[in-house]
Amino acid sequence: METRLHPREHVDMSVMLIQQGHVFASAKAVNMSKGGVCIENPEVHLNKGQILNVNLSKPGHPRGTRLYARAMVIHTERNTVGLMFSGNVPMNE
């Protein structure tokens, strides 16, 4: 049985993936917790251990709920990717 530090909640959010200050892909967030987010169908292949910035926002609400975070790819499966939010990930890309 999988043990998590924080409970997951279902979300429907747009995700922009950012590296070196440029958006390089988008995806859809399907669930999120205080520690990370699960995204579906990213437009690019992501590698375990890859560090990136994410911009999450509610579809149709460009000035509404928005979250910016630094994240690391924890796992990749078929069409989903698990990202762990981290304040300990180095800021230089």
Foldseek 3Di string as FASTA:
>chain_A
DDDDPWDKDADWKKKFWDDPRDGDWIFTWGIATPFWTKTFAIVDDDDAFDKTKMWIDHPPCPPPDIDIFIWGFHDDDDGMTIITGDPPDDPDD
